[in-house]
Amino acid sequence: MITADQLTKVYQNDVVGLDHLTLEVKPGEIFCMLGANGAGKTTT
């Protein structure tokens, strides 16, 4: 199981990339993050 609780990411210029992200991926589930290039998927 993968669990994330209340993740927040703020960049140096005070731009909020994530604000209190909480998620849980249980065994057997498939999870995918979709977004435009430069949206911060890898950073997350």
PDB file of N, CA and C in Angstrom:
ATOM      1  N   MET A   1       0.846  -1.171   0.000  1.00  0.00           N
ATOM      2  CA  MET A   1       0.000   0.000   0.000  1.00  0.00           C
ATOM      3  C   MET A   1       0.893   1.236   0.000  1.00  0.00           C
ATOM      4  N   ILE A   2       0.457   2.235  -0.721  1.00  0.00           N
ATOM      5  CA  ILE A   2       1.132   3.534  -0.731  1.00  0.00           C
ATOM      6  C   ILE A   2       0.168   4.546  -0.124  1.00  0.00           C
ATOM      7  N   THR A   3       0.649   5.287   0.857  1.00  0.00           N
ATOM      8  CA  THR A   3      -0.183   6.290   1.515  1.00  0.00           C
ATOM      9  C   THR A   3       0.576   7.609   1.581  1.00  0.00           C
ATOM     10  N   ALA A   4      -0.100   8.681   1.255  1.00  0.00           N
ATOM     11  CA  ALA A   4       0.439  10.033   1.412  1.00  0.00           C
ATOM     12  C   ALA A   4      -0.607  10.832   2.190  1.00  0.00           C
ATOM     13  N   ASP A   5      -0.152  11.590   3.168  1.00  0.00           N
ATOM     14  CA  ASP A   5      -1.094  12.319   4.013  1.00  0.00           C
ATOM     15  C   ASP A   5      -0.679  13.779   4.141  1.00  0.00           C
ATOM     16  N   GLN A   6      -1.526  14.661   3.646  1.00  0.00           N
ATOM     17  CA  GLN A   6      -1.358  16.109   3.798  1.00  0.00           C
ATOM     18  C   GLN A   6      -0.069  16.645   3.169  1.00  0.00           C
ATOM     19  N   LEU A   7       0.273  16.185   1.964  1.00  0.00           N
ATOM     20  CA  LEU A   7       1.477  16.679   1.291  1.00  0.00           C
ATOM     21  C   LEU A   7       1.248  18.078   0.741  1.00  0.00           C
ATOM     22  N   THR A   8       2.214  18.948   0.951  1.00  0.00           N
ATOM     23  CA  THR A   8       2.174  20.306   0.419  1.00  0.00           C
ATOM     24  C   THR A   8       3.523  20.607  -0.209  1.00  0.00           C
ATOM     25  N   LYS A   9       3.506  21.250  -1.384  1.00  0.00           N
ATOM     26  CA  LYS A   9       4.740  21.661  -2.066  1.00  0.00           C
ATOM     27  C   LYS A   9       4.612  23.132  -2.408  1.00  0.00           C
ATOM     28  N   VAL A  10       5.554  23.943  -1.902  1.00  0.00           N
ATOM     29  CA  VAL A  10       5.594  25.374  -2.202  1.00  0.00           C
ATOM     30  C   VAL A  10       6.953  25.664  -2.818  1.00  0.00           C
ATOM     31  N   TYR A  11       6.958  26.270  -3.992  1.00  0.00           N
ATOM     32  CA  TYR A  11       8.195  26.598  -4.688  1.00  0.00           C
ATOM     33  C   TYR A  11       8.798  27.886  -4.135  1.00  0.00           C
ATOM     34  N   GLN A  12      10.060  28.170  -4.506  1.00  0.00           N
ATOM     35  CA  GLN A  12      10.786  29.326  -3.976  1.00  0.00           C
ATOM     36  C   GLN A  12      10.069  30.651  -4.210  1.00  0.00           C
ATOM     37  N   ASN A  13       9.305  30.750  -5.292  1.00  0.00           N
ATOM     38  CA  ASN A  13       8.597  32.007  -5.586  1.00  0.00           C
ATOM     39  C   ASN A  13       7.195  32.023  -4.968  1.00  0.00           C
ATOM     40  N   ASP A  14       6.981  31.204  -3.921  1.00  0.00           N
ATOM     41  CA  ASP A  14       5.717  31.123  -3.175  1.00  0.00           C
ATOM     42  C   ASP A  14       4.544  30.584  -3.981  1.00  0.00           C
ATOM     43  N   VAL A  15       4.816  29.918  -5.102  1.00  0.00           N
ATOM     44  CA  VAL A  15       3.757  29.263  -5.867  1.00  0.00           C
ATOM     45  C   VAL A  15       3.465  27.922  -5.201  1.00  0.00           C
ATOM     46  N   VAL A  16       2.203  27.664  -4.911  1.00  0.00           N
ATOM     47  CA  VAL A  16       1.808  26.409  -4.279  1.00  0.00           C
ATOM     48  C   VAL A  16       1.548  25.376  -5.369  1.00  0.00           C
ATOM     49  N   GLY A  17       2.343  24.304  -5.364  1.00  0.00           N
ATOM     50  CA  GLY A  17       2.171  23.232  -6.346  1.00  0.00           C
ATOM     51  C   GLY A  17       1.188  22.174  -5.876  1.00  0.00           C
ATOM     52  N   LEU A  18       1.204  21.891  -4.594  1.00  0.00           N
ATOM     53  CA  LEU A  18       0.265  20.958  -3.960  1.00  0.00           C
ATOM     54  C   LEU A  18      -0.172  21.563  -2.643  1.00  0.00           C
ATOM     55  N   ASP A  19      -1.427  21.339  -2.299  1.00  0.00           N
ATOM     56  CA  ASP A  19      -1.926  21.876  -1.036  1.00  0.00           C
ATOM     57  C   ASP A  19      -2.720  20.797  -0.310  1.00  0.00           C
ATOM     58  N   HIS A  20      -2.087  20.153   0.661  1.00  0.00           N
ATOM     59  CA  HIS A  20      -2.718  19.134   1.500  1.00  0.00           C
ATOM     60  C   HIS A  20      -3.238  17.936   0.703  1.00  0.00           C
ATOM     61  N   LEU A  21      -2.412  17.393  -0.173  1.00  0.00           N
ATOM     62  CA  LEU A  21      -2.777  16.203  -0.947  1.00  0.00           C
ATOM     63  C   LEU A  21      -2.747  14.972  -0.044  1.00  0.00           C
ATOM     64  N   THR A  22      -3.838  14.242  -0.026  1.00  0.00           N
ATOM     65  CA  THR A  22      -3.918  12.981   0.702  1.00  0.00           C
ATOM     66  C   THR A  22      -4.420  11.922  -0.266  1.00  0.00           C
ATOM     67  N   LEU A  23      -3.705  10.791  -0.326  1.00  0.00           N
ATOM     68  CA  LEU A  23      -4.155   9.698  -1.184  1.00  0.00           C
ATOM     69  C   LEU A  23      -3.699   8.370  -0.620  1.00  0.00           C
ATOM     70  N   GLU A  24      -4.394   7.312  -1.045  1.00  0.00           N
ATOM     71  CA  GLU A  24      -4.059   5.956  -0.633  1.00  0.00           C
ATOM     72  C   GLU A  24      -4.284   5.044  -1.828  1.00  0.00           C
ATOM     73  N   VAL A  25      -3.266   4.291  -2.186  1.00  0.00           N
ATOM     74  CA  VAL A  25      -3.363   3.326  -3.279  1.00  0.00           C
ATOM     75  C   VAL A  25      -3.189   1.944  -2.658  1.00  0.00           C
ATOM     76  N   LYS A  26      -4.238   1.158  -2.731  1.00  0.00           N
ATOM     77  CA  LYS A  26      -4.238  -0.167  -2.115  1.00  0.00           C
ATOM     78  C   LYS A  26      -3.676  -1.206  -3.082  1.00  0.00           C
ATOM     79  N   PRO A  27      -3.203  -2.340  -2.560  1.00  0.00           N
ATOM     80  CA  PRO A  27      -2.685  -3.406  -3.423  1.00  0.00           C
ATOM     81  C   PRO A  27      -3.719  -3.811  -4.477  1.00  0.00           C
ATOM     82  N   GLY A  28      -3.266  -3.933  -5.721  1.00  0.00           N
ATOM     83  CA  GLY A  28      -4.153  -4.302  -6.823  1.00  0.00           C
ATOM     84  C   GLY A  28      -4.783  -3.122  -7.533  1.00  0.00           C
ATOM     85  N   GLU A  29      -4.730  -1.937  -6.937  1.00  0.00           N
ATOM     86  CA  GLU A  29      -5.269  -0.741  -7.584  1.00  0.00           C
ATOM     87  C   GLU A  29      -4.218  -0.146  -8.512  1.00  0.00           C
ATOM     88  N   ILE A  30      -4.681   0.558  -9.525  1.00  0.00           N
ATOM     89  CA  ILE A  30      -3.795   1.242 -10.467  1.00  0.00           C
ATOM     90  C   ILE A  30      -3.998   2.740 -10.289  1.00  0.00           C
ATOM     91  N   PHE A  31      -2.880   3.468 -10.151  1.00  0.00           N
ATOM     92  CA  PHE A  31      -2.935   4.913  -9.941  1.00  0.00           C
ATOM     93  C   PHE A  31      -2.058   5.591 -10.978  1.00  0.00           C
ATOM     94  N   CYS A  32      -2.524   6.698 -11.526  1.00  0.00           N
ATOM     95  CA  CYS A  32      -1.771   7.424 -12.547  1.00  0.00           C
ATOM     96  C   CYS A  32      -1.939   8.919 -12.319  1.00  0.00           C
ATOM     97  N   MET A  33      -0.839   9.652 -12.437  1.00  0.00           N
ATOM     98  CA  MET A  33      -0.908  11.117 -12.378  1.00  0.00           C
ATOM     99  C   MET A  33      -0.792  11.648 -13.799  1.00  0.00           C
ATOM    100  N   LEU A  34      -1.777  12.399 -14.230  1.00  0.00           N
ATOM    101  CA  LEU A  34      -1.777  12.993 -15.560  1.00  0.00           C
ATOM    102  C   LEU A  34      -1.629  14.500 -15.443  1.00  0.00           C
ATOM    103  N   GLY A  35      -0.907  15.090 -16.394  1.00  0.00           N
ATOM    104  CA  GLY A  35      -0.762  16.533 -16.404  1.00  0.00           C
ATOM    105  C   GLY A  35       0.128  16.974 -17.543  1.00  0.00           C
ATOM    106  N   ALA A  36       0.074  18.232 -17.840  1.00  0.00           N
ATOM    107  CA  ALA A  36       0.873  18.805 -18.927  1.00  0.00           C
ATOM    108  C   ALA A  36       2.358  18.774 -18.579  1.00  0.00           C
ATOM    109  N   ASN A  37       3.208  18.879 -19.597  1.00  0.00           N
ATOM    110  CA  ASN A  37       4.649  18.986 -19.370  1.00  0.00           C
ATOM    111  C   ASN A  37       4.918  20.193 -18.475  1.00  0.00           C
ATOM    112  N   GLY A  38       5.787  19.995 -17.489  1.00  0.00           N
ATOM    113  CA  GLY A  38       6.131  21.083 -16.580  1.00  0.00           C
ATOM    114  C   GLY A  38       5.141  21.288 -15.451  1.00  0.00           C
ATOM    115  N   ALA A  39       4.148  20.410 -15.330  1.00  0.00           N
ATOM    116  CA  ALA A  39       3.121  20.579 -14.302  1.00  0.00           C
ATOM    117  C   ALA A  39       3.563  20.111 -12.922  1.00  0.00           C
ATOM    118  N   GLY A  40       4.687  19.382 -12.830  1.00  0.00           N
ATOM    119  CA  GLY A  40       5.200  18.955 -11.534  1.00  0.00           C
ATOM    120  C   GLY A  40       4.932  17.504 -11.179  1.00  0.00           C
ATOM    121  N   LYS A  41       4.586  16.681 -12.157  1.00  0.00           N
ATOM    122  CA  LYS A  41       4.309  15.272 -11.874  1.00  0.00           C
ATOM    123  C   LYS A  41       5.520  14.560 -11.285  1.00  0.00           C
ATOM    124  N   THR A  42       6.682  14.775 -11.825  1.00  0.00           N
ATOM    125  CA  THR A  42       7.890  14.122 -11.329  1.00  0.00           C
ATOM    126  C   THR A  42       8.279  14.672  -9.966  1.00  0.00           C
ATOM    127  N   THR A  43       8.129  15.955  -9.765  1.00  0.00           N
ATOM    128  CA  THR A  43       8.453  16.589  -8.489  1.00  0.00           C
ATOM    129  C   THR A  43       7.590  16.029  -7.373  1.00  0.00           C
ATOM    130  N   THR A  44       6.341  15.775  -7.680  1.00  0.00           N
ATOM    131  CA  THR A  44       5.418  15.230  -6.694  1.00  0.00           C
ATOM    132  C   THR A  44       5.855  13.849  -6.309  1.00  0.00           C
TER     133      THR A  44
END
